[in-house]
Amino acid sequence: MISNLEKMFENLEYDMERKYMKIGIQKGFEQGVEQGIEKGIEQGIEQGIEQGIEKGIEQGIEKGIEQGIEKGIEQGIEKVARRMLGLGMDIPTIIEATGLTSEQVEALKKKD
């Protein structure tokens, strides 16, 4: 009888150990998944920010280059218009040659 009782306790202890092991493994797995998701989200956000910054810098550089080219062209046209004024050319010819408005040519004439 005692031997059967001991076996029952041993079986009960074994069953409890297995149950707690399963619970421990399950909780460990859940924590691992949770930490993995959190880490993945953090990395995703960091990569998104880095890519956004890189893209913003690229676009800013492109925009700056475009604006610089446009400004350079405008200054070149104004320079030609000033030379034409200096050569005594009439305003309608300067307007036709440069594409400037009469107001712009008059303003250049007043500056010089």
N, C-alpha and C. Protein backbone atom coordinates (compact mmCIF):
# COMPACT_ATOMS: atom_id res chain seq x y z
N MET A 1 0.83 -1.19 0.00
CA MET A 1 0.00 0.00 0.00
C MET A 1 0.87 1.26 0.00
N ILE A 2 1.91 1.28 0.80
CA ILE A 2 2.78 2.44 0.86
C ILE A 2 3.50 2.61 -0.47
N SER A 3 3.86 1.54 -1.02
CA SER A 3 4.55 1.62 -2.30
C SER A 3 3.64 2.22 -3.37
N ASN A 4 2.38 1.87 -3.37
CA ASN A 4 1.43 2.46 -4.33
C ASN A 4 1.26 3.96 -4.06
N LEU A 5 1.21 4.32 -2.80
CA LEU A 5 1.07 5.71 -2.40
C LEU A 5 2.30 6.51 -2.81
N GLU A 6 3.47 5.93 -2.65
CA GLU A 6 4.71 6.59 -3.07
C GLU A 6 4.73 6.79 -4.58
N LYS A 7 4.29 5.78 -5.30
CA LYS A 7 4.25 5.87 -6.76
C LYS A 7 3.28 6.96 -7.20
N MET A 8 2.16 7.07 -6.49
CA MET A 8 1.19 8.11 -6.82
C MET A 8 1.79 9.49 -6.61
N PHE A 9 2.52 9.66 -5.50
CA PHE A 9 3.17 10.95 -5.23
C PHE A 9 4.25 11.24 -6.28
N GLU A 10 5.00 10.20 -6.63
CA GLU A 10 6.03 10.38 -7.66
C GLU A 10 5.40 10.79 -8.99
N ASN A 11 4.33 10.11 -9.34
CA ASN A 11 3.62 10.44 -10.58
C ASN A 11 3.04 11.86 -10.52
N LEU A 12 2.51 12.21 -9.36
CA LEU A 12 1.95 13.54 -9.16
C LEU A 12 3.05 14.59 -9.28
N GLU A 13 4.21 14.33 -8.65
CA GLU A 13 5.33 15.26 -8.74
C GLU A 13 5.80 15.38 -10.19
N TYR A 14 5.90 14.25 -10.86
CA TYR A 14 6.33 14.25 -12.26
C TYR A 14 5.35 15.04 -13.13
N ASP A 15 4.07 14.80 -12.92
CA ASP A 15 3.04 15.52 -13.68
C ASP A 15 3.11 17.03 -13.41
N MET A 16 3.33 17.39 -12.15
CA MET A 16 3.41 18.81 -11.79
C MET A 16 4.64 19.45 -12.42
N GLU A 17 5.76 18.72 -12.39
CA GLU A 17 6.99 19.24 -13.00
C GLU A 17 6.78 19.46 -14.49
N ARG A 18 6.16 18.50 -15.15
CA ARG A 18 5.89 18.64 -16.59
C ARG A 18 4.96 19.82 -16.86
N LYS A 19 3.95 19.97 -15.99
CA LYS A 19 3.01 21.07 -16.16
C LYS A 19 3.73 22.41 -16.01
N TYR A 20 4.57 22.55 -14.98
CA TYR A 20 5.29 23.80 -14.76
C TYR A 20 6.33 24.05 -15.85
N MET A 21 6.92 22.97 -16.34
CA MET A 21 7.86 23.12 -17.46
C MET A 21 7.14 23.65 -18.69
N LYS A 22 5.98 23.08 -18.97
CA LYS A 22 5.19 23.54 -20.12
C LYS A 22 4.80 25.01 -19.96
N ILE A 23 4.37 25.37 -18.74
CA ILE A 23 4.00 26.76 -18.47
C ILE A 23 5.22 27.67 -18.65
N GLY A 24 6.37 27.22 -18.13
CA GLY A 24 7.61 28.00 -18.26
C GLY A 24 8.02 28.17 -19.72
N ILE A 25 7.93 27.08 -20.45
CA ILE A 25 8.27 27.15 -21.89
C ILE A 25 7.31 28.07 -22.61
N GLN A 26 6.03 27.94 -22.32
CA GLN A 26 5.03 28.78 -22.97
C GLN A 26 5.25 30.26 -22.65
N LYS A 27 5.49 30.58 -21.38
CA LYS A 27 5.73 31.96 -20.99
C LYS A 27 7.02 32.48 -21.63
N GLY A 28 8.06 31.65 -21.65
CA GLY A 28 9.31 32.04 -22.29
C GLY A 28 9.10 32.32 -23.78
N PHE A 29 8.32 31.46 -24.41
CA PHE A 29 8.02 31.65 -25.83
C PHE A 29 7.25 32.95 -26.06
N GLU A 30 6.24 33.18 -25.24
CA GLU A 30 5.44 34.40 -25.37
C GLU A 30 6.29 35.65 -25.16
N GLN A 31 7.17 35.62 -24.15
CA GLN A 31 8.05 36.76 -23.90
C GLN A 31 9.02 36.96 -25.05
N GLY A 32 9.52 35.84 -25.59
CA GLY A 32 10.43 35.93 -26.73
C GLY A 32 9.75 36.55 -27.94
N VAL A 33 8.53 36.13 -28.21
CA VAL A 33 7.77 36.68 -29.34
C VAL A 33 7.51 38.16 -29.11
N GLU A 34 7.10 38.50 -27.90
CA GLU A 34 6.81 39.89 -27.56
C GLU A 34 8.05 40.78 -27.73
N GLN A 35 9.17 40.30 -27.20
CA GLN A 35 10.42 41.05 -27.33
C GLN A 35 10.85 41.14 -28.79
N GLY A 36 10.66 40.07 -29.53
CA GLY A 36 11.00 40.07 -30.96
C GLY A 36 10.17 41.10 -31.72
N ILE A 37 8.90 41.16 -31.43
CA ILE A 37 8.01 42.13 -32.09
C ILE A 37 8.44 43.55 -31.73
N GLU A 38 8.69 43.79 -30.44
CA GLU A 38 9.12 45.13 -30.01
C GLU A 38 10.43 45.53 -30.70
N LYS A 39 11.37 44.60 -30.74
CA LYS A 39 12.67 44.88 -31.37
C LYS A 39 12.47 45.14 -32.86
N GLY A 40 11.62 44.35 -33.49
CA GLY A 40 11.34 44.53 -34.91
C GLY A 40 10.71 45.89 -35.20
N ILE A 41 9.78 46.29 -34.35
CA ILE A 41 9.14 47.59 -34.52
C ILE A 41 10.17 48.71 -34.36
N GLU A 42 11.01 48.60 -33.32
CA GLU A 42 12.04 49.62 -33.09
C GLU A 42 12.97 49.73 -34.30
N GLN A 43 13.42 48.58 -34.79
CA GLN A 43 14.33 48.59 -35.94
C GLN A 43 13.63 49.15 -37.17
N GLY A 44 12.37 48.79 -37.34
CA GLY A 44 11.60 49.30 -38.48
C GLY A 44 11.46 50.82 -38.43
N ILE A 45 11.19 51.34 -37.24
CA ILE A 45 11.06 52.79 -37.07
C ILE A 45 12.40 53.47 -37.35
N GLU A 46 13.49 52.90 -36.81
CA GLU A 46 14.81 53.49 -37.03
C GLU A 46 15.17 53.50 -38.52
N GLN A 47 14.91 52.38 -39.19
CA GLN A 47 15.21 52.32 -40.62
C GLN A 47 14.34 53.30 -41.39
N GLY A 48 13.08 53.40 -41.01
CA GLY A 48 12.17 54.34 -41.68
C GLY A 48 12.65 55.77 -41.52
N ILE A 49 13.08 56.12 -40.32
CA ILE A 49 13.58 57.47 -40.07
C ILE A 49 14.84 57.72 -40.88
N GLU A 50 15.77 56.75 -40.87
CA GLU A 50 17.01 56.91 -41.63
C GLU A 50 16.73 57.08 -43.12
N GLN A 51 15.85 56.25 -43.63
CA GLN A 51 15.52 56.35 -45.06
C GLN A 51 14.82 57.66 -45.37
N GLY A 52 13.96 58.10 -44.45
CA GLY A 52 13.27 59.38 -44.65
C GLY A 52 14.24 60.54 -44.66
N ILE A 53 15.21 60.50 -43.76
CA ILE A 53 16.22 61.57 -43.71
C ILE A 53 17.04 61.56 -44.99
N GLU A 54 17.50 60.37 -45.41
CA GLU A 54 18.29 60.26 -46.64
C GLU A 54 17.51 60.80 -47.84
N LYS A 55 16.25 60.40 -47.94
CA LYS A 55 15.40 60.83 -49.05
C LYS A 55 15.21 62.35 -49.00
N GLY A 56 14.99 62.89 -47.79
CA GLY A 56 14.82 64.33 -47.63
C GLY A 56 16.07 65.09 -48.04
N ILE A 57 17.24 64.56 -47.66
CA ILE A 57 18.50 65.21 -48.04
C ILE A 57 18.67 65.19 -49.54
N GLU A 58 18.41 64.03 -50.15
CA GLU A 58 18.52 63.92 -51.62
C GLU A 58 17.60 64.92 -52.31
N GLN A 59 16.36 64.98 -51.86
CA GLN A 59 15.41 65.89 -52.47
C GLN A 59 15.82 67.34 -52.25
N GLY A 60 16.34 67.63 -51.05
CA GLY A 60 16.80 68.99 -50.76
C GLY A 60 17.95 69.39 -51.66
N ILE A 61 18.88 68.47 -51.87
CA ILE A 61 20.02 68.76 -52.74
C ILE A 61 19.54 69.00 -54.17
N GLU A 62 18.66 68.11 -54.64
CA GLU A 62 18.13 68.27 -56.00
C GLU A 62 17.41 69.61 -56.16
N LYS A 63 16.59 69.94 -55.18
CA LYS A 63 15.84 71.21 -55.22
C LYS A 63 16.82 72.39 -55.20
N GLY A 64 17.85 72.31 -54.36
CA GLY A 64 18.84 73.38 -54.28
C GLY A 64 19.58 73.55 -55.60
N ILE A 65 19.93 72.44 -56.23
CA ILE A 65 20.61 72.51 -57.53
C ILE A 65 19.69 73.14 -58.57
N GLU A 66 18.45 72.71 -58.61
CA GLU A 66 17.48 73.28 -59.56
C GLU A 66 17.34 74.79 -59.36
N GLN A 67 17.19 75.19 -58.09
CA GLN A 67 17.02 76.61 -57.80
C GLN A 67 18.28 77.40 -58.17
N GLY A 68 19.43 76.79 -57.91
CA GLY A 68 20.69 77.45 -58.26
C GLY A 68 20.83 77.64 -59.76
N ILE A 69 20.45 76.62 -60.51
CA ILE A 69 20.50 76.72 -61.97
C ILE A 69 19.55 77.80 -62.47
N GLU A 70 18.32 77.79 -61.94
CA GLU A 70 17.33 78.80 -62.34
C GLU A 70 17.84 80.21 -62.02
N LYS A 71 18.39 80.38 -60.83
CA LYS A 71 18.91 81.70 -60.42
C LYS A 71 20.06 82.11 -61.34
N GLY A 72 20.93 81.17 -61.67
CA GLY A 72 22.05 81.46 -62.56
C GLY A 72 21.57 81.89 -63.95
N ILE A 73 20.55 81.20 -64.44
CA ILE A 73 19.99 81.56 -65.76
C ILE A 73 19.39 82.97 -65.71
N GLU A 74 18.63 83.24 -64.64
CA GLU A 74 18.03 84.58 -64.49
C GLU A 74 19.11 85.66 -64.47
N GLN A 75 20.17 85.41 -63.70
CA GLN A 75 21.24 86.40 -63.61
C GLN A 75 21.94 86.57 -64.95
N GLY A 76 22.09 85.47 -65.68
CA GLY A 76 22.70 85.56 -67.01
C GLY A 76 21.87 86.38 -67.97
N ILE A 77 20.57 86.18 -67.94
CA ILE A 77 19.66 86.94 -68.80
C ILE A 77 19.70 88.42 -68.44
N GLU A 78 19.70 88.71 -67.13
CA GLU A 78 19.78 90.10 -66.70
C GLU A 78 21.10 90.75 -67.14
N LYS A 79 22.17 89.98 -67.08
CA LYS A 79 23.48 90.49 -67.49
C LYS A 79 23.48 90.84 -68.99
N VAL A 80 22.87 89.96 -69.77
CA VAL A 80 22.78 90.22 -71.22
C VAL A 80 21.92 91.46 -71.47
N ALA A 81 20.81 91.56 -70.74
CA ALA A 81 19.93 92.72 -70.91
C ALA A 81 20.67 94.01 -70.54
N ARG A 82 21.47 93.99 -69.48
CA ARG A 82 22.25 95.18 -69.10
C ARG A 82 23.25 95.55 -70.20
N ARG A 83 23.90 94.55 -70.76
CA ARG A 83 24.85 94.82 -71.85
C ARG A 83 24.13 95.43 -73.05
N MET A 84 22.96 94.87 -73.34
CA MET A 84 22.19 95.40 -74.48
C MET A 84 21.79 96.85 -74.22
N LEU A 85 21.39 97.13 -72.96
CA LEU A 85 21.07 98.51 -72.60
C LEU A 85 22.31 99.40 -72.74
N GLY A 86 23.43 98.85 -72.30
CA GLY A 86 24.68 99.60 -72.39
C GLY A 86 25.09 99.89 -73.83
N LEU A 87 24.70 99.02 -74.74
CA LEU A 87 25.00 99.22 -76.16
C LEU A 87 23.99 100.15 -76.82
N GLY A 88 23.00 100.59 -76.04
CA GLY A 88 22.01 101.54 -76.56
C GLY A 88 20.89 100.88 -77.33
N MET A 89 20.68 99.62 -77.16
CA MET A 89 19.60 98.93 -77.89
C MET A 89 18.26 99.34 -77.30
N ASP A 90 17.23 99.29 -78.14
CA ASP A 90 15.90 99.71 -77.68
C ASP A 90 15.24 98.60 -76.85
N ILE A 91 14.34 99.04 -75.98
CA ILE A 91 13.71 98.13 -75.02
C ILE A 91 12.92 97.01 -75.69
N PRO A 92 12.12 97.28 -76.75
CA PRO A 92 11.39 96.17 -77.39
C PRO A 92 12.32 95.07 -77.91
N THR A 93 13.50 95.44 -78.42
CA THR A 93 14.45 94.44 -78.91
C THR A 93 15.00 93.62 -77.74
N ILE A 94 15.30 94.30 -76.63
CA ILE A 94 15.82 93.61 -75.45
C ILE A 94 14.76 92.64 -74.91
N ILE A 95 13.50 93.09 -74.88
CA ILE A 95 12.41 92.23 -74.41
C ILE A 95 12.30 90.99 -75.28
N GLU A 96 12.36 91.19 -76.58
CA GLU A 96 12.24 90.08 -77.52
C GLU A 96 13.42 89.12 -77.39
N ALA A 97 14.63 89.65 -77.24
CA ALA A 97 15.84 88.82 -77.17
C ALA A 97 15.96 88.06 -75.85
N THR A 98 15.52 88.66 -74.75
CA THR A 98 15.74 88.05 -73.43
C THR A 98 14.52 87.36 -72.84
N GLY A 99 13.34 87.75 -73.29
CA GLY A 99 12.12 87.21 -72.71
C GLY A 99 11.70 87.91 -71.43
N LEU A 100 12.42 88.97 -71.05
CA LEU A 100 12.07 89.75 -69.87
C LEU A 100 10.85 90.61 -70.17
N THR A 101 10.16 91.04 -69.13
CA THR A 101 9.03 91.96 -69.31
C THR A 101 9.58 93.38 -69.41
N SER A 102 8.73 94.28 -69.88
CA SER A 102 9.17 95.68 -69.97
C SER A 102 9.49 96.24 -68.58
N GLU A 103 8.73 95.79 -67.57
CA GLU A 103 8.97 96.25 -66.21
C GLU A 103 10.36 95.79 -65.73
N GLN A 104 10.72 94.57 -66.05
CA GLN A 104 12.03 94.06 -65.64
C GLN A 104 13.16 94.82 -66.32
N VAL A 105 12.98 95.09 -67.60
CA VAL A 105 14.02 95.84 -68.34
C VAL A 105 14.14 97.25 -67.81
N GLU A 106 13.00 97.89 -67.53
CA GLU A 106 13.01 99.24 -66.97
C GLU A 106 13.71 99.25 -65.61
N ALA A 107 13.46 98.23 -64.81
CA ALA A 107 14.09 98.15 -63.49
C ALA A 107 15.60 98.01 -63.64
N LEU A 108 16.04 97.21 -64.61
CA LEU A 108 17.50 97.06 -64.86
C LEU A 108 18.09 98.40 -65.34
N LYS A 109 17.32 99.09 -66.15
CA LYS A 109 17.79 100.38 -66.70
C LYS A 109 17.98 101.37 -65.56
N LYS A 110 17.08 101.34 -64.57
CA LYS A 110 17.17 102.28 -63.44
C LYS A 110 18.33 101.91 -62.53
N LYS A 111 18.64 100.62 -62.39
CA LYS A 111 19.75 100.20 -61.53
C LYS A 111 21.09 100.67 -62.08
N ASP A 112 21.23 100.67 -63.38
CA ASP A 112 22.49 101.05 -64.00
C ASP A 112 22.55 102.52 -64.15
